[in-house]
Amino acid sequence: MSLRWITTRHFPYAVSGALPAGQDVLIGVGGNVGDVPGRLERLWRYWRQSAQVAIVQTSPILINPPFGYLDQPDFYNAVVWIRTGLDPHALLRYILYTEKRFGRERSFANAPRTLDLDMIFYDQLRLTSRRLRLPHPHWRERVSVVLPLSYLKGDPWSKRVL
């Protein structure tokens, strides 16, 4: 497995000063169609202007091979630690809206995609509903989550990885 890291203007990033109020959430971000690093930068700017979420930290971007459906380009993945006042289901709706806004089409499982956003953790909440499981049930198996998460400092989830 060939893994590489890249950095951009806001990957990695850490807010300076006081942290905003809200719930701590870890979002896995990625994609493998088009200019993904540029798209992640646009996502960062979009979320920085959003009243729904506040970015606390981001990891560098990991370039890693696909899993599941293998006949596709490598993925660019990172994690974004946000704070939000949205409850988990409202945040899921916001995430799905954001994917669609950035051109995500769902053609088949593990298909190539412009943007993929996965809620990994929502504070320390454990939740199982028809549309959402928290923490994300497969996060420990995904290099695309575990390695970027190891770059965050002071987050409430790193102890789960170590």
C-alpha atoms as a PDB file:
ATOM      1  CA  MET A   1       0.000   0.000   0.000  1.00  0.00           C
ATOM      2  CA  SER A   2       1.495   3.311  -1.081  1.00  0.00           C
ATOM      3  CA  LEU A   3       0.618   6.244   1.198  1.00  0.00           C
ATOM      4  CA  ARG A   4       1.690   9.843   0.679  1.00  0.00           C
ATOM      5  CA  TRP A   5       0.932  13.087   2.474  1.00  0.00           C
ATOM      6  CA  ILE A   6       0.371  16.510   0.978  1.00  0.00           C
ATOM      7  CA  THR A   7      -0.298  19.838   2.607  1.00  0.00           C
ATOM      8  CA  THR A   8      -2.298  22.805   1.358  1.00  0.00           C
ATOM      9  CA  ARG A   9      -2.982  26.222   2.795  1.00  0.00           C
ATOM     10  CA  HIS A  10      -5.554  24.890   5.321  1.00  0.00           C
ATOM     11  CA  PHE A  11      -4.634  21.212   5.600  1.00  0.00           C
ATOM     12  CA  PRO A  12      -3.255  21.109   8.270  1.00  0.00           C
ATOM     13  CA  TYR A  13      -4.822  24.015  10.133  1.00  0.00           C
ATOM     14  CA  ALA A  14      -5.521  24.864  13.780  1.00  0.00           C
ATOM     15  CA  VAL A  15      -7.664  27.718  15.030  1.00  0.00           C
ATOM     16  CA  SER A  16      -5.840  30.227  17.163  1.00  0.00           C
ATOM     17  CA  GLY A  17      -7.445  31.735  20.229  1.00  0.00           C
ATOM     18  CA  ALA A  18     -10.521  30.628  22.094  1.00  0.00           C
ATOM     19  CA  LEU A  19     -12.456  27.664  20.782  1.00  0.00           C
ATOM     20  CA  PRO A  20     -16.060  28.245  19.790  1.00  0.00           C
ATOM     21  CA  ALA A  21     -18.865  26.741  21.901  1.00  0.00           C
ATOM     22  CA  GLY A  22     -20.600  23.587  20.738  1.00  0.00           C
ATOM     23  CA  GLN A  23     -20.231  19.856  20.352  1.00  0.00           C
ATOM     24  CA  ASP A  24     -16.906  18.397  19.187  1.00  0.00           C
ATOM     25  CA  VAL A  25     -17.315  16.412  15.969  1.00  0.00           C
ATOM     26  CA  LEU A  26     -14.774  14.643  13.784  1.00  0.00           C
ATOM     27  CA  ILE A  27     -15.573  14.581  10.076  1.00  0.00           C
ATOM     28  CA  GLY A  28     -13.674  12.418   7.604  1.00  0.00           C
ATOM     29  CA  VAL A  29     -13.326  14.292   4.300  1.00  0.00           C
ATOM     30  CA  GLY A  30     -12.117  13.040   0.968  1.00  0.00           C
ATOM     31  CA  GLY A  31     -12.656  12.327  -2.678  1.00  0.00           C
ATOM     32  CA  ASN A  32     -10.969  11.022  -5.808  1.00  0.00           C
ATOM     33  CA  VAL A  33     -12.590  12.819  -8.745  1.00  0.00           C
ATOM     34  CA  GLY A  34     -11.087  16.012 -10.136  1.00  0.00           C
ATOM     35  CA  ASP A  35      -9.021  18.486  -8.117  1.00  0.00           C
ATOM     36  CA  VAL A  36      -9.687  17.080  -4.655  1.00  0.00           C
ATOM     37  CA  PRO A  37      -7.090  19.220  -2.790  1.00  0.00           C
ATOM     38  CA  GLY A  38      -8.631  22.326  -4.360  1.00  0.00           C
ATOM     39  CA  ARG A  39     -12.109  21.093  -3.467  1.00  0.00           C
ATOM     40  CA  LEU A  40     -11.060  20.490   0.160  1.00  0.00           C
ATOM     41  CA  GLU A  41      -9.759  24.076   0.278  1.00  0.00           C
ATOM     42  CA  ARG A  42     -13.128  25.292  -1.057  1.00  0.00           C
ATOM     43  CA  LEU A  43     -14.875  23.143   1.567  1.00  0.00           C
ATOM     44  CA  TRP A  44     -12.697  24.749   4.282  1.00  0.00           C
ATOM     45  CA  ARG A  45     -13.704  28.233   3.071  1.00  0.00           C
ATOM     46  CA  TYR A  46     -17.363  27.187   2.813  1.00  0.00           C
ATOM     47  CA  TRP A  47     -17.383  25.876   6.390  1.00  0.00           C
ATOM     48  CA  ARG A  48     -15.453  28.908   7.688  1.00  0.00           C
ATOM     49  CA  GLN A  49     -18.329  31.084   6.401  1.00  0.00           C
ATOM     50  CA  SER A  50     -21.007  28.762   7.783  1.00  0.00           C
ATOM     51  CA  ALA A  51     -23.067  29.545  10.861  1.00  0.00           C
ATOM     52  CA  GLN A  52     -23.630  25.779  11.281  1.00  0.00           C
ATOM     53  CA  VAL A  53     -20.053  24.648  11.976  1.00  0.00           C
ATOM     54  CA  ALA A  54     -16.758  26.094  13.201  1.00  0.00           C
ATOM     55  CA  ILE A  55     -13.463  24.516  12.165  1.00  0.00           C
ATOM     56  CA  VAL A  56     -11.119  23.763  15.068  1.00  0.00           C
ATOM     57  CA  GLN A  57      -8.380  21.731  13.322  1.00  0.00           C
ATOM     58  CA  THR A  58      -7.609  19.851  10.147  1.00  0.00           C
ATOM     59  CA  SER A  59      -5.049  17.175   9.345  1.00  0.00           C
ATOM     60  CA  PRO A  60      -2.728  17.051   6.350  1.00  0.00           C
ATOM     61  CA  ILE A  61      -4.181  15.235   3.338  1.00  0.00           C
ATOM     62  CA  LEU A  62      -3.394  11.531   2.978  1.00  0.00           C
ATOM     63  CA  ILE A  63      -3.267  10.033  -0.521  1.00  0.00           C
ATOM     64  CA  ASN A  64      -4.241   6.396  -0.236  1.00  0.00           C
ATOM     65  CA  PRO A  65      -5.549   3.553  -2.415  1.00  0.00           C
ATOM     66  CA  PRO A  66      -9.279   2.886  -2.699  1.00  0.00           C
ATOM     67  CA  PHE A  67     -10.990   0.030  -0.911  1.00  0.00           C
ATOM     68  CA  GLY A  68     -14.142  -1.842  -1.815  1.00  0.00           C
ATOM     69  CA  TYR A  69     -14.376  -0.952  -5.503  1.00  0.00           C
ATOM     70  CA  LEU A  70     -10.699  -0.940  -6.571  1.00  0.00           C
ATOM     71  CA  ASP A  71     -10.877   0.140 -10.227  1.00  0.00           C
ATOM     72  CA  GLN A  72     -10.649   3.862  -9.485  1.00  0.00           C
ATOM     73  CA  PRO A  73      -8.049   6.544  -8.675  1.00  0.00           C
ATOM     74  CA  ASP A  74      -6.420   6.963  -5.262  1.00  0.00           C
ATOM     75  CA  PHE A  75      -8.308   8.940  -2.623  1.00  0.00           C
ATOM     76  CA  TYR A  76      -7.301  12.169  -0.939  1.00  0.00           C
ATOM     77  CA  ASN A  77      -8.442  12.021   2.698  1.00  0.00           C
ATOM     78  CA  ALA A  78      -8.179  14.196   5.789  1.00  0.00           C
ATOM     79  CA  VAL A  79     -10.065  14.737   9.018  1.00  0.00           C
ATOM     80  CA  VAL A  80     -11.669  17.957  10.176  1.00  0.00           C
ATOM     81  CA  TRP A  81     -12.459  18.653  13.827  1.00  0.00           C
ATOM     82  CA  ILE A  82     -15.441  20.977  14.031  1.00  0.00           C
ATOM     83  CA  ARG A  83     -17.665  22.402  16.708  1.00  0.00           C
ATOM     84  CA  THR A  84     -21.383  22.679  16.058  1.00  0.00           C
ATOM     85  CA  GLY A  85     -24.634  23.435  17.811  1.00  0.00           C
ATOM     86  CA  LEU A  86     -26.488  21.033  15.500  1.00  0.00           C
ATOM     87  CA  ASP A  87     -27.714  17.728  16.903  1.00  0.00           C
ATOM     88  CA  PRO A  88     -26.298  14.610  15.164  1.00  0.00           C
ATOM     89  CA  HIS A  89     -29.205  14.119  12.751  1.00  0.00           C
ATOM     90  CA  ALA A  90     -29.340  17.806  11.784  1.00  0.00           C
ATOM     91  CA  LEU A  91     -25.576  17.710  11.225  1.00  0.00           C
ATOM     92  CA  LEU A  92     -25.980  14.635   9.017  1.00  0.00           C
ATOM     93  CA  ARG A  93     -28.530  16.513   6.896  1.00  0.00           C
ATOM     94  CA  TYR A  94     -26.092  19.448   6.649  1.00  0.00           C
ATOM     95  CA  ILE A  95     -23.241  17.097   5.636  1.00  0.00           C
ATOM     96  CA  LEU A  96     -25.372  15.436   2.947  1.00  0.00           C
ATOM     97  CA  TYR A  97     -26.426  18.863   1.660  1.00  0.00           C
ATOM     98  CA  THR A  98     -22.761  19.927   1.542  1.00  0.00           C
ATOM     99  CA  GLU A  99     -21.780  16.798  -0.432  1.00  0.00           C
ATOM    100  CA  LYS A 100     -24.514  17.496  -2.960  1.00  0.00           C
ATOM    101  CA  ARG A 101     -23.522  21.170  -3.211  1.00  0.00           C
ATOM    102  CA  PHE A 102     -19.980  20.022  -4.066  1.00  0.00           C
ATOM    103  CA  GLY A 103     -21.169  17.693  -6.841  1.00  0.00           C
ATOM    104  CA  ARG A 104     -21.466  14.333  -5.049  1.00  0.00           C
ATOM    105  CA  GLU A 105     -23.424  11.728  -6.979  1.00  0.00           C
ATOM    106  CA  ARG A 106     -24.206   8.343  -5.460  1.00  0.00           C
ATOM    107  CA  SER A 107     -24.085   5.835  -8.330  1.00  0.00           C
ATOM    108  CA  PHE A 108     -23.055   2.664  -6.439  1.00  0.00           C
ATOM    109  CA  ALA A 109     -21.322   1.632  -3.206  1.00  0.00           C
ATOM    110  CA  ASN A 110     -17.695   2.815  -2.963  1.00  0.00           C
ATOM    111  CA  ALA A 111     -17.956   4.592  -6.335  1.00  0.00           C
ATOM    112  CA  PRO A 112     -15.560   7.388  -7.284  1.00  0.00           C
ATOM    113  CA  ARG A 113     -16.711  10.687  -5.772  1.00  0.00           C
ATOM    114  CA  THR A 114     -16.039  14.394  -5.815  1.00  0.00           C
ATOM    115  CA  LEU A 115     -16.529  14.736  -2.063  1.00  0.00           C
ATOM    116  CA  ASP A 116     -17.180  12.245   0.697  1.00  0.00           C
ATOM    117  CA  LEU A 117     -18.012  13.456   4.212  1.00  0.00           C
ATOM    118  CA  ASP A 118     -18.354  10.963   7.070  1.00  0.00           C
ATOM    119  CA  MET A 119     -19.236  11.804  10.647  1.00  0.00           C
ATOM    120  CA  ILE A 120     -16.733   9.738  12.638  1.00  0.00           C
ATOM    121  CA  PHE A 121     -17.343  10.992  16.202  1.00  0.00           C
ATOM    122  CA  TYR A 122     -19.904  13.312  17.752  1.00  0.00           C
ATOM    123  CA  ASP A 123     -18.400  14.140  21.148  1.00  0.00           C
ATOM    124  CA  GLN A 124     -18.383  10.836  23.028  1.00  0.00           C
ATOM    125  CA  LEU A 125     -21.920   9.959  21.909  1.00  0.00           C
ATOM    126  CA  ARG A 126     -22.887   6.416  21.020  1.00  0.00           C
ATOM    127  CA  LEU A 127     -25.889   6.357  18.722  1.00  0.00           C
ATOM    128  CA  THR A 128     -27.559   3.794  16.499  1.00  0.00           C
ATOM    129  CA  SER A 129     -30.447   4.931  14.352  1.00  0.00           C
ATOM    130  CA  ARG A 130     -31.753   4.019  10.922  1.00  0.00           C
ATOM    131  CA  ARG A 131     -29.606   6.701   9.227  1.00  0.00           C
ATOM    132  CA  LEU A 132     -26.656   7.175  11.569  1.00  0.00           C
ATOM    133  CA  ARG A 133     -24.262   5.146  13.727  1.00  0.00           C
ATOM    134  CA  LEU A 134     -21.830   6.865  16.054  1.00  0.00           C
ATOM    135  CA  PRO A 135     -19.001   6.451  16.363  1.00  0.00           C
ATOM    136  CA  HIS A 136     -18.666   5.495  12.707  1.00  0.00           C
ATOM    137  CA  PRO A 137     -18.692   1.673  12.797  1.00  0.00           C
ATOM    138  CA  HIS A 138     -15.588   1.176  10.613  1.00  0.00           C
ATOM    139  CA  TRP A 139     -13.337   4.068  11.616  1.00  0.00           C
ATOM    140  CA  ARG A 140     -10.683   1.837  13.220  1.00  0.00           C
ATOM    141  CA  GLU A 141     -10.305  -0.138   9.968  1.00  0.00           C
ATOM    142  CA  ARG A 142      -9.693   2.938   7.823  1.00  0.00           C
ATOM    143  CA  VAL A 143      -6.155   4.185   7.416  1.00  0.00           C
ATOM    144  CA  SER A 144      -7.830   7.261   5.882  1.00  0.00           C
ATOM    145  CA  VAL A 145      -9.199   8.108   9.355  1.00  0.00           C
ATOM    146  CA  VAL A 146      -6.682   6.649  11.817  1.00  0.00           C
ATOM    147  CA  LEU A 147      -3.554   8.237  10.315  1.00  0.00           C
ATOM    148  CA  PRO A 148      -4.994  11.752   9.810  1.00  0.00           C
ATOM    149  CA  LEU A 149      -6.533  11.619  13.305  1.00  0.00           C
ATOM    150  CA  SER A 150      -3.077  10.959  14.758  1.00  0.00           C
ATOM    151  CA  TYR A 151      -2.013  14.445  13.540  1.00  0.00           C
ATOM    152  CA  LEU A 152      -4.606  16.350  15.589  1.00  0.00           C
ATOM    153  CA  LYS A 153      -3.488  17.913  18.863  1.00  0.00           C
ATOM    154  CA  GLY A 154      -5.651  18.157  21.976  1.00  0.00           C
ATOM    155  CA  ASP A 155      -8.679  16.519  20.423  1.00  0.00           C
ATOM    156  CA  PRO A 156     -10.999  14.333  22.531  1.00  0.00           C
ATOM    157  CA  TRP A 157     -10.611  11.238  20.308  1.00  0.00           C
ATOM    158  CA  SER A 158      -6.873  10.520  19.875  1.00  0.00           C
ATOM    159  CA  LYS A 159      -6.814   8.329  22.961  1.00  0.00           C
ATOM    160  CA  ARG A 160      -9.074   5.940  21.060  1.00  0.00           C
ATOM    161  CA  VAL A 161      -6.345   5.475  18.445  1.00  0.00           C
ATOM    162  CA  LEU A 162      -3.278   5.110  20.671  1.00  0.00           C
END
